[in-house]
Amino acid sequence: MADILPFKRPKLSEKHKGKSLCRSGFHKWKVVTSKQFDVKQGRLVTVSRCERCGKEKVERL
């Protein structure tokens, strides 16, 4: 016979941990140093990524 594994659901607090601040517009931006040059536009750019949700924003210099 097969072994029966118990099904464990993640708690809602674990599933949505840290996302409520990002939904309200309070992201935790961190600069990504691997992308500093935009090839298509030929300009230097600053790419920032939110540590909580992973959203990216680009500032052109």
Protein backbone atom coordinates (compact mmCIF):
# COMPACT_ATOMS: atom_id res chain seq x y z
CA MET A 1 0.00 0.00 0.00
CA ALA A 2 0.98 3.60 -0.47
CA ASP A 3 2.02 5.93 2.30
CA ILE A 4 -0.49 8.66 3.03
CA LEU A 5 1.03 12.08 3.53
CA PRO A 6 -0.85 14.70 5.54
CA PHE A 7 -1.84 17.81 3.60
CA LYS A 8 -0.58 20.97 5.30
CA ARG A 9 -1.93 24.32 4.20
CA PRO A 10 0.23 27.39 4.72
CA LYS A 11 -1.15 29.92 7.17
CA LEU A 12 -2.47 33.11 5.62
CA SER A 13 0.05 35.11 7.61
CA GLU A 14 2.89 33.10 6.03
CA LYS A 15 1.41 33.29 2.55
CA HIS A 16 1.01 37.08 2.53
CA LYS A 17 3.98 37.96 4.72
CA GLY A 18 5.31 41.45 3.94
CA LYS A 19 3.02 42.13 0.97
CA SER A 20 0.55 44.45 2.68
CA LEU A 21 3.12 47.24 2.88
CA CYS A 22 3.93 46.89 -0.83
CA ARG A 23 0.25 47.02 -1.78
CA SER A 24 0.01 50.31 0.10
CA GLY A 25 2.98 51.74 -1.81
CA PHE A 26 5.66 51.29 0.84
CA HIS A 27 8.19 49.19 -1.04
CA LYS A 28 11.64 48.32 0.30
CA TRP A 29 13.81 49.29 -2.68
CA LYS A 30 17.33 47.92 -3.10
CA VAL A 31 19.63 48.82 -6.01
CA VAL A 32 20.50 45.98 -8.42
CA THR A 33 24.12 46.41 -9.47
CA SER A 34 24.16 43.80 -12.26
CA LYS A 35 22.12 45.99 -14.66
CA GLN A 36 23.69 49.42 -15.07
CA PHE A 37 23.46 50.03 -18.81
CA ASP A 38 20.40 49.95 -21.07
CA VAL A 39 21.50 48.57 -24.44
CA LYS A 40 18.38 49.63 -26.37
CA GLN A 41 18.51 53.27 -25.28
CA GLY A 42 22.28 53.51 -24.83
CA ARG A 43 22.05 55.13 -21.41
CA LEU A 44 23.08 54.46 -17.86
CA VAL A 45 20.18 53.31 -15.69
CA THR A 46 19.59 52.55 -12.04
CA VAL A 47 17.48 49.43 -11.52
CA SER A 48 15.86 49.00 -8.11
CA ARG A 49 14.07 45.85 -6.91
CA CYS A 50 11.73 45.56 -3.94
CA GLU A 51 13.05 43.06 -1.40
CA ARG A 52 9.57 41.98 -0.34
CA CYS A 53 7.55 41.56 -3.55
CA GLY A 54 10.19 41.59 -6.32
CA LYS A 55 8.77 44.56 -8.29
CA GLU A 56 11.36 46.50 -10.31
CA LYS A 57 11.63 50.19 -11.14
CA VAL A 58 14.06 51.82 -13.55
CA GLU A 59 15.48 55.35 -13.27
CA ARG A 60 17.15 56.72 -16.37
CA LEU A 61 20.06 59.07 -15.81
